[in-house]
Amino acid sequence: MAVSNDLSNDRRVARHAGALQQAGCEVVVVGRRLPSSPEVEAPWRLVRMPLRHRRGWRFYAELNRRLCSTMLRERPDVVWANDTDTLAGCAVAARRLGCRLVMDAHELFPEVPEVQHRPLVQWVWRAIERRYMPRCDARLTVCQSIADYYRDRYGLAMTVVRNLPALRSPLSAPHSPLSTLRSPLSTLLYQGAVNLGRGVDWAIDALEYLPQCRLVVAGRGDLLQAMQTYAAAKPWADRVHFLGHVPPADLDALTRQADVGLVMLDDLGLSYHYALPNRIGDFVAAGVPMVVSDLPEMAAVVRRFGVGEVIERQPGSEARALARAVERVLARQWTDSDFDAARRDMDWEREKQKLLAILITQK
């Protein structure tokens, strides 16, 4: 399995690797190592490649070259590319080895916000998809909207395997970072990458209207330092806590102690528009009501199962709209049973069977 990240917090890949290992597969996950990368322990083998380049075309060229050489050395029966940015190297390796190729689209890579105004970069990613996706023996993705996109654009069938937590996991974890942040205030939790269009700035601004709340941000990203600086300039800076990277077990405990989960995305292109973030499943599993952006996949879950509130579309007034949605969530008395219907639908055991069927049908 190939990824372009440092393996420290890719919960979808870890979930898939665990399911495949339980089914009797020998799993090797290949990613990169950064100087700041935390140590990662996993029951499957990890290969973390130090790369000379960090970003841009040189990074992706080096990444795919190294992925290809690593696959050729490992000689797997199945090469599993996670996202378009690993597909070229994996496809070349699979062809040389004569083995099966699986592609998992976590998002619409040519439509991410960072490339919306870079037509040449978009063209390159789409060219890679046009060339290599039809060669895949199986293709999967995270939600039906993305599957429909690839069907309409390339005429390709995609299996939908949603990124859901195991609902039968223990309801407690060894430690929660909130234990050092005790407060009578209600906790708004943002977990995930602190990147462009993720709404962390909206949440910081929303605290102006929510004196009874604090914001906890669990994650790293390109805009982490900028958001820390932004928050520090606010009069309510003492109610904003940045935890950085939180290990998965601790993140589960942290999530269960939150009062409101925040899942915000600005509508910056089709990748965000059709997103179904794994945080949706995490909050449902933890029994934490959430506030989400009014985008098709995530809003559909909240509206169908009544597990939170959807932010009203108010361009330029996102923070105030977010605050109103939080107030509506906090005004309601929530019980664990409020999440039962969503949990029955968002069942990883069922999704896992679709994942395993991909390998079985391709043997």
Protein backbone atom coordinates (compact mmCIF):
# COMPACT_ATOMS: atom_id res chain seq x y z
CA MET A 1 0.00 0.00 0.00
CA ALA A 2 1.46 3.35 -1.05
CA VAL A 3 0.77 6.80 0.39
CA SER A 4 2.36 10.22 0.01
CA ASN A 5 2.16 11.15 3.71
CA ASP A 6 4.36 10.16 6.65
CA LEU A 7 1.93 7.47 7.97
CA SER A 8 1.46 9.24 11.31
CA ASN A 9 -2.26 9.93 11.01
CA ASP A 10 -3.77 8.25 7.93
CA ARG A 11 -6.66 6.48 9.58
CA ARG A 12 -8.21 5.21 6.33
CA VAL A 13 -5.01 3.48 5.29
CA ALA A 14 -4.52 2.06 8.79
CA ARG A 15 -8.10 0.79 8.82
CA HIS A 16 -7.72 -0.87 5.44
CA ALA A 17 -4.33 -2.35 6.32
CA GLY A 18 -5.78 -3.81 9.50
CA ALA A 19 -8.73 -5.36 7.68
CA LEU A 20 -6.48 -6.91 5.05
CA GLN A 21 -4.10 -8.26 7.66
CA GLN A 22 -6.96 -9.81 9.63
CA ALA A 23 -8.04 -11.51 6.40
CA GLY A 24 -4.64 -13.20 6.16
CA CYS A 25 -2.75 -10.79 3.93
CA GLU A 26 0.82 -9.75 4.58
CA VAL A 27 0.61 -5.96 4.46
CA VAL A 28 3.41 -3.48 3.80
CA VAL A 29 2.56 0.24 3.90
CA VAL A 30 5.00 2.57 2.15
CA GLY A 31 5.12 6.31 2.84
CA ARG A 32 7.65 9.02 3.55
CA ARG A 33 9.54 10.24 6.58
CA LEU A 34 9.97 13.91 7.43
CA PRO A 35 12.41 15.30 10.00
CA SER A 36 9.41 16.16 12.19
CA SER A 37 7.60 12.84 11.70
CA PRO A 38 6.64 11.13 14.97
CA GLU A 39 7.42 7.47 15.45
CA VAL A 40 4.63 5.16 14.34
CA GLU A 41 3.90 1.67 15.60
CA ALA A 42 1.72 -0.71 13.62
CA PRO A 43 1.12 -4.47 13.49
CA TRP A 44 2.00 -4.43 9.78
CA ARG A 45 5.32 -3.51 8.24
CA LEU A 46 6.01 0.16 7.54
CA VAL A 47 8.51 1.49 5.03
CA ARG A 48 9.11 5.23 5.55
CA MET A 49 11.25 6.81 2.84
CA PRO A 50 13.24 9.99 3.52
CA LEU A 51 12.84 12.18 0.44
CA ARG A 52 15.01 15.04 -0.67
CA HIS A 53 12.14 17.21 -1.86
CA ARG A 54 9.15 18.30 0.23
CA ARG A 55 6.70 19.78 -2.31
CA GLY A 56 6.09 20.64 -5.93
CA TRP A 57 6.68 18.55 -9.03
CA ARG A 58 10.13 17.44 -7.85
CA PHE A 59 8.57 15.93 -4.73
CA TYR A 60 5.95 13.99 -6.67
CA ALA A 61 8.49 12.81 -9.23
CA GLU A 62 10.85 11.60 -6.50
CA LEU A 63 7.98 10.04 -4.54
CA ASN A 64 6.70 8.00 -7.47
CA ARG A 65 10.18 6.93 -8.54
CA ARG A 66 10.95 5.71 -5.03
CA LEU A 67 7.54 4.04 -4.67
CA CYS A 68 8.12 2.17 -7.92
CA SER A 69 11.58 0.97 -6.88
CA THR A 70 10.27 -0.06 -3.45
CA MET A 71 7.42 -2.07 -5.00
CA LEU A 72 9.81 -3.77 -7.40
CA ARG A 73 12.01 -4.75 -4.46
CA GLU A 74 9.10 -5.98 -2.33
CA ARG A 75 7.46 -7.89 -5.23
CA PRO A 76 3.88 -7.85 -3.87
CA ASP A 77 0.91 -9.72 -5.31
CA VAL A 78 -1.18 -6.53 -5.18
CA VAL A 79 0.01 -2.93 -5.48
CA TRP A 80 -2.42 -0.58 -3.73
CA ALA A 81 -2.21 3.11 -4.68
CA ASN A 82 -3.82 5.56 -2.29
CA ASP A 83 -4.83 8.66 -4.25
CA THR A 84 -3.79 9.96 -7.63
CA ASP A 85 -0.44 11.26 -6.39
CA THR A 86 0.89 7.69 -5.91
CA LEU A 87 -0.81 6.13 -8.94
CA ALA A 88 1.88 6.56 -11.60
CA GLY A 89 4.67 4.88 -9.64
CA CYS A 90 2.38 2.10 -8.47
CA ALA A 91 1.01 1.47 -11.97
CA VAL A 92 4.48 1.21 -13.51
CA ALA A 93 5.58 -1.20 -10.77
CA ALA A 94 2.44 -3.34 -11.13
CA ARG A 95 2.93 -3.59 -14.89
CA ARG A 96 6.57 -4.65 -14.54
CA LEU A 97 5.70 -7.20 -11.87
CA GLY A 98 2.62 -8.48 -13.68
CA CYS A 99 0.59 -8.12 -10.48
CA ARG A 100 -2.79 -6.61 -9.68
CA LEU A 101 -3.26 -2.86 -9.21
CA VAL A 102 -5.85 -1.28 -6.89
CA MET A 103 -6.50 2.46 -6.67
CA ASP A 104 -8.22 4.10 -3.69
CA ALA A 105 -9.33 7.70 -4.32
CA HIS A 106 -9.60 9.36 -0.92
CA GLU A 107 -10.58 12.60 -2.65
CA LEU A 108 -10.84 14.21 -6.08
CA PHE A 109 -7.14 14.96 -6.29
CA PRO A 110 -7.24 17.19 -9.42
CA GLU A 111 -9.97 19.26 -7.72
CA VAL A 112 -8.34 20.06 -4.37
CA PRO A 113 -8.31 23.79 -3.45
CA GLU A 114 -4.54 24.09 -3.81
CA VAL A 115 -4.73 23.47 -7.59
CA GLN A 116 -8.01 25.20 -8.45
CA HIS A 117 -6.23 28.11 -10.14
CA ARG A 118 -3.33 26.08 -11.56
CA PRO A 119 -4.67 24.61 -14.81
CA LEU A 120 -1.38 23.00 -15.83
CA VAL A 121 -1.15 21.10 -12.54
CA GLN A 122 -4.77 20.01 -12.87
CA TRP A 123 -4.07 18.82 -16.42
CA VAL A 124 -1.15 16.69 -15.23
CA TRP A 125 -3.18 14.95 -12.50
CA ARG A 126 -6.07 14.34 -14.88
CA ALA A 127 -3.69 12.96 -17.50
CA ILE A 128 -2.32 10.51 -14.91
CA GLU A 129 -5.87 9.44 -14.04
CA ARG A 130 -6.85 9.02 -17.71
CA ARG A 131 -3.78 6.92 -18.41
CA TYR A 132 -3.60 4.69 -15.36
CA MET A 133 -7.06 4.40 -13.76
CA PRO A 134 -8.46 2.23 -16.60
CA ARG A 135 -5.52 -0.14 -16.03
CA CYS A 136 -6.49 -0.74 -12.41
CA ASP A 137 -7.94 -4.14 -11.57
CA ALA A 138 -10.13 -2.47 -8.95
CA ARG A 139 -10.96 1.10 -7.96
CA LEU A 140 -12.57 2.34 -4.76
CA THR A 141 -13.43 5.65 -3.17
CA VAL A 142 -14.97 7.17 -0.04
CA CYS A 143 -18.45 8.26 -1.15
CA GLN A 144 -21.01 7.95 -3.91
CA SER A 145 -20.57 11.50 -5.20
CA ILE A 146 -16.91 10.86 -6.04
CA ALA A 147 -17.79 7.49 -7.58
CA ASP A 148 -20.36 9.26 -9.79
CA TYR A 149 -17.76 11.86 -10.81
CA TYR A 150 -15.33 9.21 -12.07
CA ARG A 151 -18.13 7.31 -13.80
CA ASP A 152 -19.26 10.45 -15.64
CA ARG A 153 -15.76 11.72 -16.46
CA TYR A 154 -13.94 8.53 -17.42
CA GLY A 155 -16.64 5.88 -17.64
CA LEU A 156 -15.07 3.97 -14.74
CA ALA A 157 -16.85 1.99 -12.05
CA MET A 158 -15.79 2.71 -8.46
CA THR A 159 -16.63 0.69 -5.35
CA VAL A 160 -17.67 2.92 -2.45
CA VAL A 161 -15.99 1.97 0.83
CA ARG A 162 -16.76 4.66 3.37
CA ASN A 163 -14.12 5.63 5.89
CA LEU A 164 -15.80 4.60 9.12
CA PRO A 165 -14.50 3.69 12.58
CA ALA A 166 -15.04 0.32 14.17
CA LEU A 167 -18.08 0.89 16.35
CA ARG A 168 -17.25 -2.11 18.50
CA SER A 169 -13.98 -0.57 19.68
CA PRO A 170 -13.64 0.09 23.44
CA LEU A 171 -15.42 3.20 24.67
CA SER A 172 -12.35 4.40 26.50
CA ALA A 173 -8.75 5.04 25.55
CA PRO A 174 -5.63 5.23 27.71
CA HIS A 175 -5.31 9.00 27.79
CA SER A 176 -7.00 12.17 26.63
CA PRO A 177 -5.12 15.40 25.98
CA LEU A 178 -8.11 17.22 27.49
CA SER A 179 -7.07 15.93 30.92
CA THR A 180 -4.59 18.81 31.11
CA LEU A 181 -7.13 21.33 29.82
CA ARG A 182 -9.85 21.05 32.45
CA SER A 183 -12.46 23.76 32.12
CA PRO A 184 -16.16 24.37 32.78
CA LEU A 185 -16.48 25.61 29.21
CA SER A 186 -18.11 23.55 26.47
CA THR A 187 -15.52 22.02 24.16
CA LEU A 188 -15.70 22.49 20.40
CA LEU A 189 -13.37 19.99 18.76
CA TYR A 190 -11.75 20.31 15.36
CA GLN A 191 -9.71 17.26 14.41
CA GLY A 192 -7.82 16.91 11.16
CA ALA A 193 -5.43 18.79 8.92
CA VAL A 194 -5.12 22.52 9.49
CA ASN A 195 -5.11 23.39 5.80
CA LEU A 196 -6.69 25.78 3.35
CA GLY A 197 -10.48 25.88 3.45
CA ARG A 198 -10.92 23.73 6.57
CA GLY A 199 -12.74 26.46 8.53
CA VAL A 200 -10.39 26.69 11.51
CA ASP A 201 -10.44 30.48 11.16
CA TRP A 202 -14.26 30.40 11.24
CA ALA A 203 -14.16 28.45 14.49
CA ILE A 204 -11.69 30.89 16.06
CA ASP A 205 -13.87 33.84 15.06
CA ALA A 206 -17.04 32.08 16.25
CA LEU A 207 -15.76 32.15 19.84
CA GLU A 208 -16.54 35.88 19.88
CA TYR A 209 -20.22 34.90 19.94
CA LEU A 210 -19.75 31.83 22.17
CA PRO A 211 -18.32 32.99 25.51
CA GLN A 212 -19.37 29.67 27.05
CA CYS A 213 -17.13 27.67 24.69
CA ARG A 214 -13.50 26.87 23.98
CA LEU A 215 -11.97 25.51 20.79
CA VAL A 216 -9.58 22.56 20.71
CA VAL A 217 -7.70 21.94 17.46
CA ALA A 218 -6.13 18.49 17.12
CA GLY A 219 -3.95 18.20 14.05
CA ARG A 220 -1.16 19.67 12.00
CA GLY A 221 -1.06 21.17 8.54
CA ASP A 222 0.21 23.85 6.21
CA LEU A 223 -1.69 26.62 8.03
CA LEU A 224 -1.09 25.54 11.61
CA GLN A 225 1.38 28.30 12.42
CA ALA A 226 -0.75 30.90 10.64
CA MET A 227 -3.83 29.85 12.63
CA GLN A 228 -1.87 29.95 15.89
CA THR A 229 -0.79 33.50 15.09
CA TYR A 230 -4.34 34.41 14.06
CA ALA A 231 -5.80 33.07 17.31
CA ALA A 232 -3.14 34.73 19.46
CA ALA A 233 -4.28 38.16 18.24
CA LYS A 234 -7.86 37.61 19.45
CA PRO A 235 -9.08 38.80 22.88
CA TRP A 236 -10.33 35.24 23.48
CA ALA A 237 -6.99 33.62 22.63
CA ASP A 238 -6.96 31.82 26.00
CA ARG A 239 -9.97 29.79 24.82
CA VAL A 240 -8.18 28.36 21.77
CA HIS A 241 -5.94 25.31 22.28
CA PHE A 242 -3.75 23.79 19.56
CA LEU A 243 -2.69 20.25 20.40
CA GLY A 244 -0.76 19.43 17.22
CA HIS A 245 -0.46 15.76 16.31
CA VAL A 246 -2.52 13.49 18.58
CA PRO A 247 -1.96 9.69 18.35
CA PRO A 248 -5.05 7.79 17.18
CA ALA A 249 -5.85 6.15 20.56
CA ASP A 250 -5.60 9.48 22.36
CA LEU A 251 -7.66 11.14 19.63
CA ASP A 252 -10.48 8.65 20.24
CA ALA A 253 -10.51 9.57 23.92
CA LEU A 254 -10.35 13.27 23.10
CA THR A 255 -13.26 12.96 20.67
CA ARG A 256 -15.49 11.27 23.25
CA GLN A 257 -14.94 14.14 25.69
CA ALA A 258 -15.96 16.86 23.24
CA ASP A 259 -19.34 18.58 23.41
CA VAL A 260 -19.55 19.52 19.73
CA GLY A 261 -17.59 18.18 16.77
CA LEU A 262 -16.76 20.63 13.99
CA VAL A 263 -16.56 19.43 10.37
CA MET A 264 -16.25 22.51 8.20
CA LEU A 265 -15.09 22.84 4.62
CA ASP A 266 -15.20 25.89 2.40
CA ASP A 267 -16.67 25.10 -1.01
CA LEU A 268 -13.34 25.41 -2.81
CA GLY A 269 -13.74 23.00 -5.70
CA LEU A 270 -15.30 19.61 -6.26
CA SER A 271 -12.92 17.73 -3.95
CA TYR A 272 -14.27 19.61 -0.93
CA HIS A 273 -17.79 19.88 -2.35
CA TYR A 274 -18.19 16.09 -2.47
CA ALA A 275 -16.11 15.25 0.61
CA LEU A 276 -17.25 12.84 3.32
CA PRO A 277 -14.56 13.34 5.98
CA ASN A 278 -13.77 10.43 8.27
CA ARG A 279 -14.45 12.77 11.21
CA ILE A 280 -18.18 12.34 10.51
CA GLY A 281 -17.92 8.65 11.39
CA ASP A 282 -15.65 9.36 14.35
CA PHE A 283 -18.15 11.75 15.92
CA VAL A 284 -21.07 9.38 15.28
CA ALA A 285 -19.18 6.49 16.89
CA ALA A 286 -18.29 8.66 19.89
CA GLY A 287 -21.85 9.94 20.32
CA VAL A 288 -20.80 13.56 19.80
CA PRO A 289 -23.22 15.88 17.95
CA MET A 290 -21.58 17.84 15.19
CA VAL A 291 -21.83 21.00 13.16
CA VAL A 292 -21.05 20.54 9.47
CA SER A 293 -20.86 22.63 6.33
CA ASP A 294 -23.81 22.62 3.95
CA LEU A 295 -22.12 20.37 1.38
CA PRO A 296 -23.88 17.34 -0.14
CA GLU A 297 -22.32 14.27 1.47
CA MET A 298 -21.70 15.52 4.99
CA ALA A 299 -24.95 17.50 5.28
CA ALA A 300 -26.90 14.45 4.07
CA VAL A 301 -25.63 12.37 7.01
CA VAL A 302 -26.53 15.02 9.58
CA ARG A 303 -29.96 15.72 8.12
CA ARG A 304 -30.86 12.08 7.57
CA PHE A 305 -29.96 10.91 11.06
CA GLY A 306 -30.39 14.10 13.09
CA VAL A 307 -26.92 13.96 14.63
CA GLY A 308 -26.16 17.67 14.64
CA GLU A 309 -26.69 20.89 12.73
CA VAL A 310 -25.80 22.17 9.27
CA ILE A 311 -24.23 25.61 8.94
CA GLU A 312 -26.45 27.99 7.02
CA ARG A 313 -24.87 29.26 3.80
CA GLN A 314 -23.90 32.85 4.55
CA PRO A 315 -20.83 33.92 2.54
CA GLY A 316 -18.85 36.42 4.56
CA SER A 317 -20.68 35.56 7.80
CA GLU A 318 -19.45 32.00 8.34
CA ALA A 319 -18.34 32.56 11.94
CA ARG A 320 -21.73 33.92 13.02
CA ALA A 321 -23.56 31.12 11.20
CA LEU A 322 -21.28 28.57 12.86
CA ALA A 323 -21.93 30.09 16.27
CA ARG A 324 -25.70 29.89 15.76
CA ALA A 325 -25.42 26.23 14.77
CA VAL A 326 -23.30 25.48 17.85
CA GLU A 327 -25.86 27.19 20.05
CA ARG A 328 -28.62 24.99 18.61
CA VAL A 329 -26.58 21.87 19.34
CA LEU A 330 -25.77 22.95 22.90
CA ALA A 331 -29.42 23.81 23.59
CA ARG A 332 -30.45 20.18 23.08
CA GLN A 333 -30.06 17.34 25.57
CA TRP A 334 -28.27 14.56 23.69
CA THR A 335 -28.24 10.89 24.64
CA ASP A 336 -26.20 8.03 23.24
CA SER A 337 -29.31 6.53 21.67
CA ASP A 338 -29.63 9.61 19.41
CA PHE A 339 -26.79 8.13 17.36
CA ASP A 340 -28.09 4.56 17.06
CA ALA A 341 -29.63 4.92 13.59
CA ALA A 342 -26.50 6.56 12.21
CA ARG A 343 -24.32 3.85 13.76
CA ARG A 344 -26.39 1.10 12.17
CA ASP A 345 -25.87 2.69 8.77
CA MET A 346 -22.24 3.71 9.28
CA ASP A 347 -21.05 0.20 10.05
CA TRP A 348 -17.38 -0.53 9.34
CA GLU A 349 -17.98 -4.28 9.42
CA ARG A 350 -20.22 -3.94 6.38
CA GLU A 351 -17.81 -1.58 4.61
CA LYS A 352 -14.94 -3.95 5.38
CA GLN A 353 -16.65 -6.79 3.53
CA LYS A 354 -16.76 -4.64 0.39
CA LEU A 355 -13.04 -3.96 0.80
CA LEU A 356 -12.20 -7.65 1.14
CA ALA A 357 -14.43 -8.56 -1.80
CA ILE A 358 -12.22 -6.41 -4.02
CA LEU A 359 -9.32 -8.79 -3.45
CA ILE A 360 -11.41 -11.95 -3.54
CA THR A 361 -13.05 -11.10 -6.88
CA GLN A 362 -9.72 -10.14 -8.40
CA LYS A 363 -7.92 -13.40 -7.53
